[in-house]
Amino acid sequence: MGDGEAPGGRRRVVRMLEWAVWCGRAWWDRLMSELRVRAATARDLDAVLAFWKIAAEGTSISDDRDGVERLVARDAGALILAESGGELTGTVIAGFDGWRCHLYRLAVHPDHRRRGIASALLTAAEDRFVRLGGRRADAMVLQDNGTAQHAWTAAGYAPEERWRRWVKPLAP
């Protein structure tokens, strides 16, 4: 027994740690049981566009009602949403062109980050890709977004340094 340690003190600490782990697990289980991941519908589009203004980094030429409407009409399962308590908490676009799997707009509401929502969205996206026959996924990640780069790295993604994205706007 250490200096000043009461009998059974070590057991009490172990029980307290077990309780803390159990509480953490219960919190995680409760969060995941409340999380609903689903494909977006046309009814969700205005909420998604408003959500991206709060939660997503950067803007895109396609961040308008027409662009997102075309996405959902062309590929109904591509825009994946996460909801908790009826509130939109995250999005990802999981586009598959029959050859490559592309991930865009992984966004989690700032008040809900670091709770496994991005992981749940990526799992849904990757499962979708596998069902469609995809073999490798790539993600569009802003170079200056360190938080996003950390999240993508934690999910098992890595930068592909040999390639650079080239773009050309097709419409004014």
N, C-alpha and C. Protein backbone atom coordinates (compact mmCIF):
# COMPACT_ATOMS: atom_id res chain seq x y z
N MET A 1 0.85 -1.17 0.00
CA MET A 1 0.00 0.00 0.00
C MET A 1 0.89 1.23 0.00
N GLY A 2 0.58 2.19 -0.86
CA GLY A 2 1.38 3.40 -0.96
C GLY A 2 1.16 4.32 0.22
N ASP A 3 2.01 5.27 0.36
CA ASP A 3 1.95 6.23 1.45
C ASP A 3 0.63 6.99 1.41
N GLY A 4 -0.15 6.93 2.46
CA GLY A 4 -1.40 7.66 2.54
C GLY A 4 -2.55 7.01 1.78
N GLU A 5 -2.34 5.80 1.22
CA GLU A 5 -3.40 5.15 0.46
C GLU A 5 -4.29 4.35 1.40
N ALA A 6 -5.57 4.55 1.32
CA ALA A 6 -6.51 3.83 2.17
C ALA A 6 -6.65 2.40 1.67
N PRO A 7 -6.96 1.45 2.58
CA PRO A 7 -7.19 0.08 2.13
C PRO A 7 -8.29 0.04 1.09
N GLY A 8 -8.07 -0.71 0.05
CA GLY A 8 -9.07 -0.82 -1.02
C GLY A 8 -9.07 0.37 -1.96
N GLY A 9 -8.16 1.31 -1.77
CA GLY A 9 -8.12 2.51 -2.60
C GLY A 9 -7.90 2.21 -4.07
N ARG A 10 -7.01 1.27 -4.34
CA ARG A 10 -6.72 0.91 -5.73
C ARG A 10 -7.96 0.30 -6.39
N ARG A 11 -8.66 -0.57 -5.66
CA ARG A 11 -9.89 -1.17 -6.21
C ARG A 11 -10.93 -0.09 -6.50
N ARG A 12 -11.02 0.89 -5.60
CA ARG A 12 -11.99 1.96 -5.78
C ARG A 12 -11.65 2.75 -7.05
N VAL A 13 -10.37 3.03 -7.26
CA VAL A 13 -9.96 3.75 -8.47
C VAL A 13 -10.30 2.94 -9.71
N VAL A 14 -10.04 1.64 -9.66
CA VAL A 14 -10.36 0.78 -10.80
C VAL A 14 -11.86 0.80 -11.07
N ARG A 15 -12.67 0.70 -10.02
CA ARG A 15 -14.13 0.74 -10.20
C ARG A 15 -14.56 2.09 -10.77
N MET A 16 -13.95 3.17 -10.32
CA MET A 16 -14.30 4.49 -10.84
C MET A 16 -13.94 4.58 -12.33
N LEU A 17 -12.77 4.04 -12.69
CA LEU A 17 -12.39 4.05 -14.10
C LEU A 17 -13.33 3.19 -14.93
N GLU A 18 -13.70 2.03 -14.40
CA GLU A 18 -14.66 1.19 -15.12
C GLU A 18 -15.98 1.93 -15.32
N TRP A 19 -16.43 2.63 -14.29
CA TRP A 19 -17.67 3.40 -14.38
C TRP A 19 -17.55 4.49 -15.45
N ALA A 20 -16.41 5.18 -15.46
CA ALA A 20 -16.20 6.24 -16.45
C ALA A 20 -16.21 5.67 -17.86
N VAL A 21 -15.56 4.52 -18.04
CA VAL A 21 -15.56 3.88 -19.36
C VAL A 21 -16.97 3.46 -19.73
N TRP A 22 -17.70 2.89 -18.79
CA TRP A 22 -19.08 2.47 -19.06
C TRP A 22 -19.94 3.67 -19.42
N CYS A 23 -19.80 4.76 -18.69
CA CYS A 23 -20.58 5.96 -19.00
C CYS A 23 -20.23 6.47 -20.39
N GLY A 24 -18.96 6.47 -20.71
CA GLY A 24 -18.55 6.89 -22.04
C GLY A 24 -19.14 5.99 -23.10
N ARG A 25 -19.13 4.70 -22.87
CA ARG A 25 -19.70 3.75 -23.82
C ARG A 25 -21.20 3.96 -23.93
N ALA A 26 -21.85 4.19 -22.81
CA ALA A 26 -23.29 4.43 -22.84
C ALA A 26 -23.59 5.70 -23.63
N TRP A 27 -22.78 6.73 -23.42
CA TRP A 27 -22.96 7.98 -24.15
C TRP A 27 -22.80 7.72 -25.65
N TRP A 28 -21.75 6.98 -26.02
CA TRP A 28 -21.49 6.67 -27.43
C TRP A 28 -22.64 5.86 -28.02
N ASP A 29 -23.08 4.83 -27.30
CA ASP A 29 -24.18 4.00 -27.78
C ASP A 29 -25.45 4.82 -27.96
N ARG A 30 -25.71 5.72 -27.01
CA ARG A 30 -26.90 6.57 -27.10
C ARG A 30 -26.80 7.49 -28.32
N LEU A 31 -25.63 8.07 -28.52
CA LEU A 31 -25.43 8.95 -29.67
C LEU A 31 -25.64 8.19 -30.97
N MET A 32 -25.03 7.02 -31.09
CA MET A 32 -25.14 6.25 -32.33
C MET A 32 -26.56 5.73 -32.54
N SER A 33 -27.27 5.44 -31.46
CA SER A 33 -28.65 4.96 -31.63
C SER A 33 -29.56 6.10 -32.08
N GLU A 34 -29.20 7.33 -31.74
CA GLU A 34 -29.99 8.48 -32.16
C GLU A 34 -29.60 8.97 -33.55
N LEU A 35 -28.45 8.55 -34.05
CA LEU A 35 -27.97 9.00 -35.35
C LEU A 35 -28.66 8.21 -36.45
N ARG A 36 -29.21 8.93 -37.39
CA ARG A 36 -29.87 8.31 -38.55
C ARG A 36 -29.11 8.74 -39.79
N VAL A 37 -28.65 7.78 -40.58
CA VAL A 37 -27.95 8.06 -41.83
C VAL A 37 -28.84 7.59 -42.96
N ARG A 38 -29.08 8.49 -43.92
CA ARG A 38 -30.00 8.16 -45.01
C ARG A 38 -29.66 8.97 -46.25
N ALA A 39 -30.21 8.54 -47.37
CA ALA A 39 -30.06 9.29 -48.62
C ALA A 39 -30.98 10.50 -48.59
N ALA A 40 -30.51 11.59 -49.16
CA ALA A 40 -31.32 12.81 -49.24
C ALA A 40 -32.43 12.64 -50.27
N THR A 41 -33.47 13.41 -50.08
CA THR A 41 -34.56 13.49 -51.06
C THR A 41 -34.68 14.95 -51.51
N ALA A 42 -35.50 15.18 -52.49
CA ALA A 42 -35.71 16.55 -52.99
C ALA A 42 -36.20 17.48 -51.87
N ARG A 43 -36.93 16.94 -50.91
CA ARG A 43 -37.43 17.76 -49.80
C ARG A 43 -36.31 18.28 -48.90
N ASP A 44 -35.14 17.66 -48.94
CA ASP A 44 -34.03 18.03 -48.06
C ASP A 44 -33.13 19.13 -48.62
N LEU A 45 -33.27 19.47 -49.87
CA LEU A 45 -32.25 20.26 -50.56
C LEU A 45 -32.05 21.66 -49.98
N ASP A 46 -33.11 22.35 -49.64
CA ASP A 46 -32.95 23.69 -49.06
C ASP A 46 -32.21 23.61 -47.72
N ALA A 47 -32.56 22.62 -46.92
CA ALA A 47 -31.89 22.44 -45.62
C ALA A 47 -30.42 22.11 -45.82
N VAL A 48 -30.11 21.29 -46.82
CA VAL A 48 -28.71 20.93 -47.10
C VAL A 48 -27.92 22.17 -47.51
N LEU A 49 -28.47 22.96 -48.39
CA LEU A 49 -27.76 24.17 -48.84
C LEU A 49 -27.52 25.13 -47.68
N ALA A 50 -28.50 25.29 -46.82
CA ALA A 50 -28.33 26.15 -45.63
C ALA A 50 -27.30 25.55 -44.69
N PHE A 51 -27.32 24.24 -44.53
CA PHE A 51 -26.38 23.53 -43.67
C PHE A 51 -24.94 23.75 -44.14
N TRP A 52 -24.72 23.64 -45.44
CA TRP A 52 -23.37 23.81 -45.97
C TRP A 52 -22.81 25.20 -45.69
N LYS A 53 -23.66 26.20 -45.62
CA LYS A 53 -23.18 27.55 -45.30
C LYS A 53 -22.62 27.62 -43.89
N ILE A 54 -23.10 26.76 -43.02
CA ILE A 54 -22.66 26.73 -41.62
C ILE A 54 -21.51 25.74 -41.42
N ALA A 55 -21.62 24.57 -42.05
CA ALA A 55 -20.74 23.46 -41.70
C ALA A 55 -19.64 23.14 -42.70
N ALA A 56 -19.80 23.53 -43.95
CA ALA A 56 -18.83 23.15 -44.99
C ALA A 56 -17.81 24.24 -45.21
N GLU A 57 -16.62 23.84 -45.58
CA GLU A 57 -15.56 24.78 -45.93
C GLU A 57 -15.59 25.04 -47.43
N GLY A 58 -15.38 26.26 -47.81
CA GLY A 58 -15.31 26.59 -49.22
C GLY A 58 -16.67 26.54 -49.90
N THR A 59 -16.71 27.05 -51.10
CA THR A 59 -17.93 27.02 -51.88
C THR A 59 -17.62 26.40 -53.23
N SER A 60 -18.67 25.97 -53.88
CA SER A 60 -18.53 25.33 -55.18
C SER A 60 -19.49 25.97 -56.16
N ILE A 61 -19.16 25.89 -57.41
CA ILE A 61 -20.03 26.40 -58.46
C ILE A 61 -21.37 25.66 -58.47
N SER A 62 -21.39 24.46 -57.89
CA SER A 62 -22.60 23.64 -57.86
C SER A 62 -23.40 23.79 -56.58
N ASP A 63 -22.99 24.68 -55.70
CA ASP A 63 -23.70 24.86 -54.42
C ASP A 63 -24.93 25.75 -54.60
N ASP A 64 -25.84 25.26 -55.41
CA ASP A 64 -27.11 25.96 -55.57
C ASP A 64 -28.21 24.91 -55.73
N ARG A 65 -29.43 25.36 -55.68
CA ARG A 65 -30.57 24.44 -55.73
C ARG A 65 -30.53 23.59 -56.99
N ASP A 66 -30.27 24.21 -58.14
CA ASP A 66 -30.26 23.46 -59.40
C ASP A 66 -29.19 22.37 -59.40
N GLY A 67 -28.00 22.71 -58.92
CA GLY A 67 -26.90 21.74 -58.91
C GLY A 67 -27.19 20.55 -58.03
N VAL A 68 -27.68 20.80 -56.83
CA VAL A 68 -27.95 19.70 -55.89
C VAL A 68 -29.18 18.92 -56.34
N GLU A 69 -30.14 19.60 -56.91
CA GLU A 69 -31.33 18.93 -57.44
C GLU A 69 -30.94 17.95 -58.56
N ARG A 70 -30.04 18.39 -59.45
CA ARG A 70 -29.57 17.50 -60.52
C ARG A 70 -28.85 16.28 -59.95
N LEU A 71 -28.04 16.51 -58.93
CA LEU A 71 -27.32 15.40 -58.30
C LEU A 71 -28.29 14.35 -57.78
N VAL A 72 -29.28 14.78 -57.01
CA VAL A 72 -30.23 13.84 -56.40
C VAL A 72 -31.10 13.18 -57.47
N ALA A 73 -31.46 13.92 -58.51
CA ALA A 73 -32.28 13.34 -59.59
C ALA A 73 -31.49 12.29 -60.37
N ARG A 74 -30.21 12.56 -60.60
CA ARG A 74 -29.38 11.65 -61.40
C ARG A 74 -28.94 10.43 -60.60
N ASP A 75 -28.63 10.63 -59.32
CA ASP A 75 -28.11 9.55 -58.49
C ASP A 75 -28.70 9.70 -57.09
N ALA A 76 -29.85 9.10 -56.90
CA ALA A 76 -30.64 9.31 -55.68
C ALA A 76 -29.90 8.95 -54.40
N GLY A 77 -28.93 8.06 -54.45
CA GLY A 77 -28.23 7.67 -53.23
C GLY A 77 -26.94 8.42 -52.97
N ALA A 78 -26.58 9.35 -53.84
CA ALA A 78 -25.27 9.99 -53.74
C ALA A 78 -25.15 10.97 -52.57
N LEU A 79 -26.18 11.71 -52.28
CA LEU A 79 -26.13 12.68 -51.19
C LEU A 79 -26.63 11.99 -49.93
N ILE A 80 -25.71 11.78 -48.99
CA ILE A 80 -26.01 11.05 -47.77
C ILE A 80 -26.06 12.03 -46.60
N LEU A 81 -27.10 11.91 -45.79
CA LEU A 81 -27.30 12.81 -44.66
C LEU A 81 -27.19 12.06 -43.34
N ALA A 82 -26.74 12.76 -42.32
CA ALA A 82 -26.78 12.26 -40.94
C ALA A 82 -27.69 13.20 -40.16
N GLU A 83 -28.58 12.60 -39.39
CA GLU A 83 -29.51 13.37 -38.56
C GLU A 83 -29.46 12.84 -37.14
N SER A 84 -29.60 13.74 -36.21
CA SER A 84 -29.68 13.36 -34.81
C SER A 84 -30.79 14.19 -34.18
N GLY A 85 -31.75 13.52 -33.59
CA GLY A 85 -32.88 14.23 -32.99
C GLY A 85 -33.65 15.04 -34.00
N GLY A 86 -33.71 14.57 -35.25
CA GLY A 86 -34.43 15.28 -36.29
C GLY A 86 -33.67 16.46 -36.89
N GLU A 87 -32.45 16.70 -36.41
CA GLU A 87 -31.64 17.82 -36.89
C GLU A 87 -30.56 17.31 -37.83
N LEU A 88 -30.36 18.01 -38.95
CA LEU A 88 -29.30 17.67 -39.88
C LEU A 88 -27.96 17.95 -39.21
N THR A 89 -27.12 16.92 -39.10
CA THR A 89 -25.83 17.08 -38.43
C THR A 89 -24.64 16.81 -39.34
N GLY A 90 -24.86 16.20 -40.51
CA GLY A 90 -23.74 15.93 -41.39
C GLY A 90 -24.18 15.54 -42.79
N THR A 91 -23.24 15.71 -43.73
CA THR A 91 -23.49 15.33 -45.12
C THR A 91 -22.22 14.76 -45.74
N VAL A 92 -22.41 13.98 -46.76
CA VAL A 92 -21.32 13.61 -47.66
C VAL A 92 -21.95 13.30 -49.01
N ILE A 93 -21.25 13.65 -50.07
CA ILE A 93 -21.67 13.25 -51.41
C ILE A 93 -20.77 12.10 -51.81
N ALA A 94 -21.39 10.97 -52.14
CA ALA A 94 -20.68 9.76 -52.54
C ALA A 94 -21.04 9.47 -53.98
N GLY A 95 -20.31 10.09 -54.90
CA GLY A 95 -20.61 9.95 -56.32
C GLY A 95 -19.83 8.80 -56.94
N PHE A 96 -20.52 8.01 -57.73
CA PHE A 96 -19.89 6.90 -58.44
C PHE A 96 -20.27 7.00 -59.91
N ASP A 97 -19.27 7.07 -60.77
CA ASP A 97 -19.54 7.23 -62.20
C ASP A 97 -19.45 5.91 -62.96
N GLY A 98 -19.39 4.81 -62.23
CA GLY A 98 -19.25 3.50 -62.86
C GLY A 98 -17.80 3.05 -62.93
N TRP A 99 -16.89 3.97 -62.65
CA TRP A 99 -15.48 3.66 -62.72
C TRP A 99 -14.76 4.07 -61.44
N ARG A 100 -15.03 5.29 -60.99
CA ARG A 100 -14.36 5.82 -59.81
C ARG A 100 -15.37 6.26 -58.76
N CYS A 101 -14.92 6.22 -57.53
CA CYS A 101 -15.74 6.63 -56.38
C CYS A 101 -15.20 7.97 -55.87
N HIS A 102 -16.05 8.98 -55.87
CA HIS A 102 -15.63 10.32 -55.48
C HIS A 102 -16.42 10.79 -54.26
N LEU A 103 -15.72 11.36 -53.30
CA LEU A 103 -16.34 11.88 -52.08
C LEU A 103 -16.18 13.40 -52.03
N TYR A 104 -17.29 14.06 -51.78
CA TYR A 104 -17.32 15.52 -51.69
C TYR A 104 -18.19 15.92 -50.51
N ARG A 105 -18.02 17.13 -50.08
CA ARG A 105 -18.91 17.76 -49.11
C ARG A 105 -19.12 16.95 -47.83
N LEU A 106 -18.03 16.33 -47.34
CA LEU A 106 -18.11 15.75 -46.00
C LEU A 106 -18.12 16.94 -45.05
N ALA A 107 -19.24 17.12 -44.39
CA ALA A 107 -19.39 18.26 -43.49
C ALA A 107 -20.18 17.82 -42.27
N VAL A 108 -19.72 18.25 -41.11
CA VAL A 108 -20.42 17.98 -39.85
C VAL A 108 -20.63 19.32 -39.17
N HIS A 109 -21.82 19.51 -38.65
CA HIS A 109 -22.14 20.76 -37.96
C HIS A 109 -21.10 21.00 -36.86
N PRO A 110 -20.60 22.23 -36.74
CA PRO A 110 -19.56 22.51 -35.73
C PRO A 110 -19.94 22.09 -34.31
N ASP A 111 -21.20 22.15 -33.96
CA ASP A 111 -21.62 21.76 -32.60
C ASP A 111 -21.68 20.25 -32.41
N HIS A 112 -21.49 19.49 -33.48
CA HIS A 112 -21.62 18.03 -33.40
C HIS A 112 -20.35 17.30 -33.82
N ARG A 113 -19.26 18.01 -33.95
CA ARG A 113 -18.02 17.38 -34.40
C ARG A 113 -17.40 16.53 -33.30
N ARG A 114 -16.56 15.60 -33.73
CA ARG A 114 -15.82 14.69 -32.85
C ARG A 114 -16.77 13.77 -32.08
N ARG A 115 -17.84 13.37 -32.75
CA ARG A 115 -18.81 12.45 -32.14
C ARG A 115 -19.05 11.23 -33.01
N GLY A 116 -18.24 11.03 -34.04
CA GLY A 116 -18.39 9.86 -34.88
C GLY A 116 -19.31 10.04 -36.07
N ILE A 117 -19.81 11.24 -36.28
CA ILE A 117 -20.76 11.46 -37.37
C ILE A 117 -20.06 11.34 -38.72
N ALA A 118 -18.89 11.94 -38.86
CA ALA A 118 -18.15 11.82 -40.13
C ALA A 118 -17.81 10.35 -40.40
N SER A 119 -17.43 9.63 -39.38
CA SER A 119 -17.12 8.20 -39.55
C SER A 119 -18.35 7.43 -40.02
N ALA A 120 -19.50 7.73 -39.44
CA ALA A 120 -20.73 7.05 -39.85
C ALA A 120 -21.08 7.38 -41.30
N LEU A 121 -20.90 8.64 -41.69
CA LEU A 121 -21.17 9.04 -43.07
C LEU A 121 -20.21 8.35 -44.04
N LEU A 122 -18.93 8.30 -43.68
CA LEU A 122 -17.96 7.66 -44.57
C LEU A 122 -18.20 6.15 -44.66
N THR A 123 -18.60 5.54 -43.58
CA THR A 123 -18.94 4.11 -43.63
C THR A 123 -20.10 3.89 -44.59
N ALA A 124 -21.12 4.72 -44.51
CA ALA A 124 -22.26 4.60 -45.42
C ALA A 124 -21.82 4.81 -46.86
N ALA A 125 -20.98 5.80 -47.10
CA ALA A 125 -20.50 6.08 -48.46
C ALA A 125 -19.67 4.92 -48.99
N GLU A 126 -18.76 4.42 -48.18
CA GLU A 126 -17.90 3.32 -48.62
C GLU A 126 -18.71 2.05 -48.86
N ASP A 127 -19.69 1.79 -48.01
CA ASP A 127 -20.57 0.63 -48.22
C ASP A 127 -21.31 0.77 -49.55
N ARG A 128 -21.76 1.97 -49.83
CA ARG A 128 -22.45 2.24 -51.10
C ARG A 128 -21.53 1.94 -52.28
N PHE A 129 -20.31 2.42 -52.19
CA PHE A 129 -19.35 2.20 -53.27
C PHE A 129 -19.10 0.71 -53.49
N VAL A 130 -18.92 -0.02 -52.42
CA VAL A 130 -18.67 -1.47 -52.54
C VAL A 130 -19.87 -2.15 -53.20
N ARG A 131 -21.09 -1.79 -52.79
CA ARG A 131 -22.29 -2.37 -53.42
C ARG A 131 -22.35 -2.08 -54.91
N LEU A 132 -21.85 -0.90 -55.31
CA LEU A 132 -21.89 -0.51 -56.72
C LEU A 132 -20.71 -1.05 -57.52
N GLY A 133 -19.77 -1.70 -56.85
CA GLY A 133 -18.61 -2.26 -57.54
C GLY A 133 -17.37 -1.39 -57.51
N GLY A 134 -17.39 -0.35 -56.71
CA GLY A 134 -16.23 0.54 -56.61
C GLY A 134 -15.06 -0.15 -55.93
N ARG A 135 -13.86 0.28 -56.30
CA ARG A 135 -12.65 -0.33 -55.74
C ARG A 135 -11.74 0.64 -55.01
N ARG A 136 -11.92 1.93 -55.24
CA ARG A 136 -11.08 2.91 -54.56
C ARG A 136 -11.86 4.22 -54.50
N ALA A 137 -11.79 4.88 -53.36
CA ALA A 137 -12.47 6.16 -53.21
C ALA A 137 -11.44 7.28 -53.13
N ASP A 138 -11.81 8.41 -53.71
CA ASP A 138 -10.98 9.60 -53.54
C ASP A 138 -11.84 10.72 -52.98
N ALA A 139 -11.19 11.64 -52.31
CA ALA A 139 -11.90 12.72 -51.64
C ALA A 139 -11.35 14.07 -52.06
N MET A 140 -12.24 15.02 -52.20
CA MET A 140 -11.85 16.40 -52.45
C MET A 140 -11.70 17.07 -51.07
N VAL A 141 -10.48 17.50 -50.76
CA VAL A 141 -10.20 18.10 -49.46
C VAL A 141 -9.43 19.40 -49.70
N LEU A 142 -9.93 20.48 -49.14
CA LEU A 142 -9.24 21.76 -49.30
C LEU A 142 -7.85 21.68 -48.68
N GLN A 143 -6.89 22.19 -49.39
CA GLN A 143 -5.50 22.15 -48.95
C GLN A 143 -5.29 22.88 -47.62
N ASP A 144 -6.03 23.94 -47.39
CA ASP A 144 -5.86 24.75 -46.18
C ASP A 144 -6.72 24.29 -45.02
N ASN A 145 -7.49 23.23 -45.18
CA ASN A 145 -8.40 22.79 -44.13
C ASN A 145 -7.75 21.67 -43.31
N GLY A 146 -6.97 22.07 -42.32
CA GLY A 146 -6.25 21.11 -41.48
C GLY A 146 -7.17 20.18 -40.71
N THR A 147 -8.30 20.69 -40.25
CA THR A 147 -9.26 19.86 -39.52
C THR A 147 -9.76 18.73 -40.41
N ALA A 148 -10.11 19.07 -41.64
CA ALA A 148 -10.60 18.06 -42.57
C ALA A 148 -9.50 17.06 -42.92
N GLN A 149 -8.30 17.55 -43.13
CA GLN A 149 -7.20 16.64 -43.46
C GLN A 149 -6.97 15.64 -42.33
N HIS A 150 -7.07 16.10 -41.10
CA HIS A 150 -6.92 15.20 -39.95
C HIS A 150 -8.04 14.15 -39.96
N ALA A 151 -9.26 14.58 -40.22
CA ALA A 151 -10.40 13.65 -40.24
C ALA A 151 -10.23 12.60 -41.34
N TRP A 152 -9.82 13.04 -42.52
CA TRP A 152 -9.63 12.10 -43.63
C TRP A 152 -8.49 11.12 -43.33
N THR A 153 -7.42 11.62 -42.74
CA THR A 153 -6.31 10.74 -42.37
C THR A 153 -6.77 9.71 -41.35
N ALA A 154 -7.54 10.15 -40.36
CA ALA A 154 -8.05 9.23 -39.33
C ALA A 154 -8.95 8.17 -39.95
N ALA A 155 -9.60 8.49 -41.06
CA ALA A 155 -10.50 7.54 -41.72
C ALA A 155 -9.74 6.62 -42.68
N GLY A 156 -8.42 6.77 -42.77
CA GLY A 156 -7.62 5.88 -43.59
C GLY A 156 -7.27 6.41 -44.97
N TYR A 157 -7.59 7.66 -45.24
CA TYR A 157 -7.28 8.27 -46.54
C TYR A 157 -5.92 8.96 -46.46
N ALA A 158 -5.28 9.08 -47.61
CA ALA A 158 -3.98 9.76 -47.68
C ALA A 158 -3.92 10.60 -48.95
N PRO A 159 -3.17 11.70 -48.91
CA PRO A 159 -3.05 12.52 -50.12
C PRO A 159 -2.35 11.73 -51.24
N GLU A 160 -2.77 11.97 -52.44
CA GLU A 160 -2.14 11.36 -53.62
C GLU A 160 -1.30 12.46 -54.25
N GLU A 161 -0.04 12.50 -53.87
CA GLU A 161 0.83 13.61 -54.27
C GLU A 161 1.16 13.63 -55.75
N ARG A 162 1.02 12.50 -56.43
CA ARG A 162 1.38 12.45 -57.85
C ARG A 162 0.36 13.15 -58.74
N TRP A 163 -0.83 13.42 -58.21
CA TRP A 163 -1.90 13.98 -59.03
C TRP A 163 -2.25 15.38 -58.56
N ARG A 164 -2.72 16.16 -59.47
CA ARG A 164 -3.21 17.49 -59.16
C ARG A 164 -4.52 17.67 -59.89
N ARG A 165 -5.46 18.29 -59.26
CA ARG A 165 -6.77 18.51 -59.85
C ARG A 165 -6.70 19.69 -60.82
N TRP A 166 -7.22 19.49 -62.02
CA TRP A 166 -7.30 20.54 -63.02
C TRP A 166 -8.78 20.81 -63.26
N VAL A 167 -9.17 22.06 -63.29
CA VAL A 167 -10.58 22.40 -63.43
C VAL A 167 -10.80 23.43 -64.52
N LYS A 168 -11.99 23.39 -65.08
CA LYS A 168 -12.41 24.39 -66.05
C LYS A 168 -13.92 24.57 -65.89
N PRO A 169 -14.37 25.74 -65.48
CA PRO A 169 -15.82 25.97 -65.41
C PRO A 169 -16.44 25.83 -66.80
N LEU A 170 -17.57 25.14 -66.87
CA LEU A 170 -18.23 24.92 -68.16
C LEU A 170 -19.38 25.87 -68.41
N ALA A 171 -19.86 26.50 -67.37
CA ALA A 171 -20.99 27.42 -67.53
C ALA A 171 -20.70 28.70 -66.75
N PRO A 172 -21.25 29.81 -67.22
CA PRO A 172 -21.01 31.08 -66.52
C PRO A 172 -21.68 31.11 -65.15
